[in-house]
Every structure is written in C-alpha cells, then in structure tokens.
Amino acid sequence: MKKNKIISILVFLFLAQISFGQKNDSKQVAGKVLEHSTPIEGVNIINNATQVATVSDSDGNFLIMAKEGDVLVFSAVNLEPIKKRITAEDLYPNTLVVKMTAKEVELKEVVVNENANITAENLGIIPYGQKKYTPAERKVYTATSTSIDKLLNSISGRTAMLKKEVNVEKKEALFRKLEYLFEENYYTERLKIPVDYIKGFQLFCVDDAEFAVSLNTKNKTMSMFLITDLARKYLTILENEK
C-alpha cells in the first residue's frame, strides 16, 4: 500500500513537471505584417492554441507569446486571412515576416438607365469604333483640325488653354470615381486622414499617374495598395505645414 502511494506521488510530480515544461516552451515571437512591401496597421493576430491575441502597430510590428506547433491566425478588413504554424526557427530572435494580400473586390457599377443603349453608332449615324471626344477634347480637335486653325490658335494661346481644360476634365472624372470607391470611414479609420482633409487628399491622389491608371482600369486591389502609401505622404505634408 505504501509502495503504491509513493508511485502515485512520483507519477504526479512527473506529469506536473512535463506540464510546467510545456508552458515554459512559449516564447515571445516578434513579427511584422506586410502587404507587398507596405507595413499594415490594425491586423488582428490570435494564437489558436492559447487564444492570446494582439494587433499590429502603425509599422506593422507585433509581439505575441507562442511555442513550436502553435498556429497564429492573421485577419483584417480588406485582407485575405492567413494561418501561420510556428516552427523552431520562428522562435529565434529574428523578426517573423508575414505577407498578406488584399481581397479581390470588383468596383461597383452604377446603372443609370437600363434602356440607355441608344447611341449614334446603333442608329447608324456614325461608324462603330470611331473615337469619342469629351466636350473639352472636341474643342481642342476643332481648334487644331486645320493648319490655319492650328497656327491662329497657337499664336493666341487658345490651344494651350483648351488642352488644360481637357486635363481638368480628366481629373474631375477620376475624382468622381474615387469618391465612389471608398467610404468616409475608410479614410478616417484605415488611412488616418482627418475628415476635413478627405477632399484635399482625394485631389492629391488623382494627381498621381500610377493611381490614376488603377482607377481607369478598375483595379481596386492596386488602388488600395497605392492609396496607403499616398496617405503616408499626404500626412507628412500636413505635418510639415503645421
């Protein structure tokens, strides 16, 4: 009887030591979350094994307790969630780099009129495939359609003025697309743009050639990637103006 009691005590102490050793296997893992090469703030990170959670800071950095074999889950609005199983190499004092990707979201289309299929081409007034001009572009074409018009308008400066009008018209079109693309809270919460500066920031964005291409091609993933970097530049400008 006494022998059995001693064995039970030894087994208990052995199991307790194993349990204590497993808990102590956990180490503080330092990591950085990126979307392409851009640090991402506000990403939720949770250890599935312990339910310990944290959030990435403004530089994409985070710290979390984990051990080999634990699974970390990364999630955020507009980003595809991913899981990362911790390996022995991840527990070394190196930064764990986690790369996330933006969700593929198609731009919303506005249907003005379902019967708006009546065009000059459909009616046979003009041939199919003919270049369509905006009002400002038509003025430039008219001003430069003949050699005499071209010379007279160049001397008077009218051609240069009309070309500026075309550029303004294109930027206005881009501005309208951008207004429809993101909600106000996306600017204030995700990009940290003060609400009073949102319109100014939108104008700043449409002046960027690469961002303008992403709007024209309806590539929202690229627009989201580029606007994050543009927001940092714009906030720096605001800070320098204070």
Protein backbone atom coordinates (compact mmCIF):
# COMPACT_ATOMS: atom_id res chain seq x y z
CA MET A 1 0.00 0.00 0.00
CA LYS A 2 2.78 2.37 0.94
CA LYS A 3 4.67 1.44 -2.23
CA ASN A 4 1.62 2.28 -4.41
CA LYS A 5 1.26 5.64 -2.68
CA ILE A 6 4.91 6.50 -3.40
CA ILE A 7 4.48 5.52 -7.07
CA SER A 8 1.36 7.71 -7.37
CA ILE A 9 3.22 10.69 -5.93
CA LEU A 10 6.14 10.19 -8.34
CA VAL A 11 3.79 9.94 -11.34
CA PHE A 12 2.01 13.13 -10.25
CA LEU A 13 5.30 15.02 -9.89
CA PHE A 14 6.47 13.74 -13.29
CA LEU A 15 3.27 14.88 -15.06
CA ALA A 16 3.37 18.25 -13.29
CA GLN A 17 6.97 18.74 -14.45
CA ILE A 18 6.00 17.93 -18.05
CA SER A 19 3.07 20.35 -17.91
CA PHE A 20 5.25 23.09 -16.44
CA GLY A 21 7.92 22.48 -19.05
CA GLN A 22 5.38 22.74 -21.89
CA LYS A 23 4.09 26.08 -20.62
CA ASN A 24 7.63 27.37 -20.38
CA ASP A 25 8.25 26.40 -24.03
CA SER A 26 6.29 29.51 -25.05
CA LYS A 27 8.44 32.42 -26.14
CA GLN A 28 7.75 35.97 -27.23
CA VAL A 29 7.61 35.98 -31.03
CA ALA A 30 8.37 39.30 -32.75
CA GLY A 31 6.85 39.80 -36.18
CA LYS A 32 5.98 42.25 -38.94
CA VAL A 33 2.91 42.21 -41.21
CA LEU A 34 3.26 43.45 -44.81
CA GLU A 35 1.03 43.85 -47.83
CA HIS A 36 3.54 43.56 -50.65
CA SER A 37 6.25 45.79 -49.10
CA THR A 38 3.90 48.09 -47.16
CA PRO A 39 3.58 47.66 -43.34
CA ILE A 40 -0.04 47.08 -42.30
CA GLU A 41 -1.53 48.53 -39.12
CA GLY A 42 -4.53 47.05 -37.29
CA VAL A 43 -4.11 43.39 -38.28
CA ASN A 44 -5.61 41.05 -35.65
CA ILE A 45 -3.28 38.19 -34.60
CA ILE A 46 -4.54 35.34 -32.40
CA ASN A 47 -2.79 32.24 -31.12
CA ASN A 48 -5.28 29.40 -31.77
CA ALA A 49 -3.74 27.23 -29.06
CA THR A 50 -3.85 29.76 -26.20
CA GLN A 51 -6.37 32.33 -27.55
CA VAL A 52 -3.82 35.06 -26.76
CA ALA A 53 -4.38 37.97 -29.18
CA THR A 54 -2.63 41.15 -30.27
CA VAL A 55 -2.80 43.79 -33.03
CA SER A 56 -0.06 45.09 -35.38
CA ASP A 57 1.07 48.69 -34.80
CA SER A 58 1.49 51.55 -37.31
CA ASP A 59 4.75 49.98 -38.59
CA GLY A 60 3.18 46.54 -38.94
CA ASN A 61 5.08 45.18 -35.90
CA PHE A 62 3.62 42.83 -33.28
CA LEU A 63 4.65 40.69 -30.27
CA ILE A 64 2.87 37.50 -29.16
CA MET A 65 3.61 34.50 -26.91
CA ALA A 66 3.80 31.20 -28.80
CA LYS A 67 5.62 27.89 -28.94
CA GLU A 68 6.59 25.49 -31.70
CA GLY A 69 3.47 24.00 -33.30
CA ASP A 70 1.11 26.81 -32.32
CA VAL A 71 -0.96 28.29 -35.15
CA LEU A 72 -1.24 32.08 -35.48
CA VAL A 73 -4.24 33.45 -37.38
CA PHE A 74 -3.92 36.86 -39.11
CA SER A 75 -7.03 38.77 -40.20
CA ALA A 76 -8.06 42.31 -41.16
CA VAL A 77 -10.69 44.15 -43.16
CA ASN A 78 -9.95 44.07 -46.93
CA LEU A 79 -7.15 41.48 -46.45
CA GLU A 80 -7.25 37.74 -47.07
CA PRO A 81 -6.89 35.92 -43.70
CA ILE A 82 -3.92 33.57 -43.36
CA LYS A 83 -2.65 30.99 -40.83
CA LYS A 84 0.99 30.54 -39.82
CA ARG A 85 2.25 27.48 -37.91
CA ILE A 86 5.17 28.38 -35.64
CA THR A 87 8.37 26.42 -36.30
CA ALA A 88 11.53 26.14 -34.22
CA GLU A 89 13.22 28.70 -36.50
CA ASP A 90 10.45 31.24 -35.75
CA LEU A 91 11.36 31.14 -32.04
CA TYR A 92 14.84 32.52 -32.66
CA PRO A 93 15.35 36.29 -32.13
CA ASN A 94 14.63 37.01 -35.79
CA THR A 95 11.61 39.01 -36.97
CA LEU A 96 8.83 36.80 -38.33
CA VAL A 97 7.70 38.42 -41.61
CA VAL A 98 4.09 37.70 -42.59
CA LYS A 99 2.89 38.80 -46.03
CA MET A 100 -0.85 39.32 -46.59
CA THR A 101 -2.74 40.13 -49.77
CA ALA A 102 -5.68 42.43 -50.44
CA LYS A 103 -9.06 40.86 -51.14
CA GLU A 104 -10.11 40.95 -54.76
CA VAL A 105 -13.08 43.34 -54.84
CA GLU A 106 -14.64 44.49 -58.09
CA LEU A 107 -15.57 48.15 -58.39
CA LYS A 108 -19.26 48.82 -58.02
CA GLU A 109 -21.04 49.64 -61.26
CA VAL A 110 -23.74 52.30 -61.45
CA VAL A 111 -26.65 51.54 -63.78
CA VAL A 112 -28.07 54.92 -64.81
CA ASN A 113 -30.67 53.62 -67.22
CA GLU A 114 -31.20 50.03 -68.35
CA ASN A 115 -32.52 51.31 -71.70
CA ALA A 116 -29.55 53.57 -72.35
CA ASN A 117 -28.41 51.50 -75.36
CA ILE A 118 -29.49 54.02 -77.99
CA THR A 119 -26.29 55.52 -79.38
CA ALA A 120 -25.25 57.27 -82.57
CA GLU A 121 -23.44 54.05 -83.54
CA ASN A 122 -26.56 51.88 -83.01
CA LEU A 123 -28.61 54.30 -85.08
CA GLY A 124 -26.03 54.20 -87.91
CA ILE A 125 -25.24 57.91 -87.66
CA ILE A 126 -21.51 57.28 -87.15
CA PRO A 127 -19.37 54.18 -87.81
CA TYR A 128 -18.60 51.72 -84.99
CA GLY A 129 -15.24 52.15 -83.26
CA GLN A 130 -14.94 55.86 -84.03
CA LYS A 131 -13.11 57.84 -81.35
CA LYS A 132 -15.45 59.56 -78.91
CA TYR A 133 -14.48 63.03 -77.69
CA THR A 134 -15.40 64.72 -74.45
CA PRO A 135 -16.65 68.34 -74.74
CA ALA A 136 -13.17 69.69 -73.93
CA GLU A 137 -11.47 67.28 -76.37
CA ARG A 138 -13.87 68.34 -79.15
CA LYS A 139 -12.83 71.96 -78.61
CA VAL A 140 -9.15 71.03 -78.93
CA TYR A 141 -9.86 68.98 -82.07
CA THR A 142 -11.78 71.87 -83.65
CA ALA A 143 -9.03 74.33 -82.74
CA THR A 144 -6.33 72.16 -84.37
CA SER A 145 -8.22 70.45 -87.21
CA THR A 146 -6.69 72.59 -89.99
CA SER A 147 -3.25 74.13 -90.42
CA ILE A 148 -4.72 77.68 -90.34
CA ASP A 149 -6.72 77.00 -87.18
CA LYS A 150 -3.67 75.39 -85.64
CA LEU A 151 -1.49 78.42 -86.39
CA LEU A 152 -4.01 81.06 -85.28
CA ASN A 153 -4.96 79.30 -82.07
CA SER A 154 -1.33 78.56 -81.22
CA ILE A 155 -0.45 82.25 -81.57
CA SER A 156 -3.46 83.34 -79.47
CA GLY A 157 -2.77 80.73 -76.78
CA ARG A 158 -6.24 79.21 -77.18
CA THR A 159 -4.90 75.71 -77.89
CA ALA A 160 -2.86 75.63 -74.69
CA MET A 161 -5.88 76.84 -72.73
CA LEU A 162 -8.11 74.14 -74.25
CA LYS A 163 -5.57 71.40 -73.51
CA LYS A 164 -5.55 72.50 -69.86
CA GLU A 165 -9.33 72.23 -69.92
CA VAL A 166 -9.02 68.62 -71.14
CA ASN A 167 -6.66 67.78 -68.25
CA VAL A 168 -9.04 69.35 -65.74
CA GLU A 169 -11.92 67.36 -67.21
CA LYS A 170 -9.98 64.09 -66.90
CA LYS A 171 -9.08 64.81 -63.28
CA GLU A 172 -12.71 65.60 -62.49
CA ALA A 173 -13.71 62.20 -63.91
CA LEU A 174 -11.05 60.45 -61.80
CA PHE A 175 -12.18 62.40 -58.73
CA ARG A 176 -15.77 61.19 -59.21
CA LYS A 177 -14.56 57.57 -59.48
CA LEU A 178 -12.50 57.90 -56.30
CA GLU A 179 -15.42 59.45 -54.40
CA TYR A 180 -17.48 56.35 -55.18
CA LEU A 181 -14.69 53.85 -54.48
CA PHE A 182 -14.20 54.19 -50.69
CA GLU A 183 -16.48 55.07 -47.77
CA GLU A 184 -15.61 58.01 -45.48
CA ASN A 185 -14.63 55.74 -42.56
CA TYR A 186 -12.01 54.04 -44.80
CA TYR A 187 -10.15 57.35 -45.00
CA THR A 188 -10.51 58.26 -41.32
CA GLU A 189 -10.01 54.83 -39.71
CA ARG A 190 -7.73 52.92 -42.08
CA LEU A 191 -5.74 55.75 -43.65
CA LYS A 192 -5.91 58.17 -40.66
CA ILE A 193 -6.92 61.11 -42.87
CA PRO A 194 -8.80 63.80 -40.87
CA VAL A 195 -12.36 64.13 -42.14
CA ASP A 196 -11.85 67.81 -43.08
CA TYR A 197 -8.92 66.86 -45.34
CA ILE A 198 -10.52 63.95 -47.24
CA LYS A 199 -11.40 66.04 -50.34
CA GLY A 200 -7.89 67.51 -50.45
CA PHE A 201 -6.40 64.03 -50.14
CA GLN A 202 -8.59 62.73 -52.98
CA LEU A 203 -7.33 65.53 -55.24
CA PHE A 204 -3.77 64.66 -54.17
CA CYS A 205 -4.39 61.02 -55.19
CA VAL A 206 -5.80 61.72 -58.67
CA ASP A 207 -2.68 63.76 -59.44
CA ASP A 208 -0.62 60.55 -59.08
CA ALA A 209 -0.21 58.95 -62.53
CA GLU A 210 0.02 55.35 -61.28
CA PHE A 211 -3.04 55.75 -59.06
CA ALA A 212 -4.96 57.30 -61.98
CA VAL A 213 -4.23 54.19 -64.06
CA SER A 214 -5.57 51.92 -61.29
CA LEU A 215 -8.82 53.93 -61.22
CA ASN A 216 -9.23 53.89 -65.00
CA THR A 217 -8.64 50.11 -65.15
CA LYS A 218 -10.97 49.48 -62.17
CA ASN A 219 -8.18 47.65 -60.31
CA LYS A 220 -9.33 48.18 -56.73
CA THR A 221 -6.60 45.94 -55.31
CA MET A 222 -3.92 48.16 -56.84
CA SER A 223 -5.82 51.31 -55.81
CA MET A 224 -5.92 50.12 -52.17
CA PHE A 225 -2.21 49.33 -52.25
CA LEU A 226 -1.22 52.68 -53.75
CA ILE A 227 -3.56 54.82 -51.63
CA THR A 228 -1.93 53.54 -48.42
CA ASP A 229 1.44 54.95 -49.49
CA LEU A 230 -0.15 58.16 -50.78
CA ALA A 231 -1.85 58.64 -47.40
CA ARG A 232 1.52 58.49 -45.62
CA LYS A 233 2.94 61.10 -47.99
CA TYR A 234 -0.10 63.35 -47.58
CA LEU A 235 0.00 63.14 -43.76
CA THR A 236 3.70 64.05 -43.88
CA ILE A 237 2.84 67.14 -45.96
CA LEU A 238 0.14 68.16 -43.46
CA GLU A 239 2.57 67.69 -40.58
CA ASN A 240 5.23 69.85 -42.26
CA GLU A 241 2.70 72.61 -42.89
CA LYS A 242 1.88 72.96 -39.19
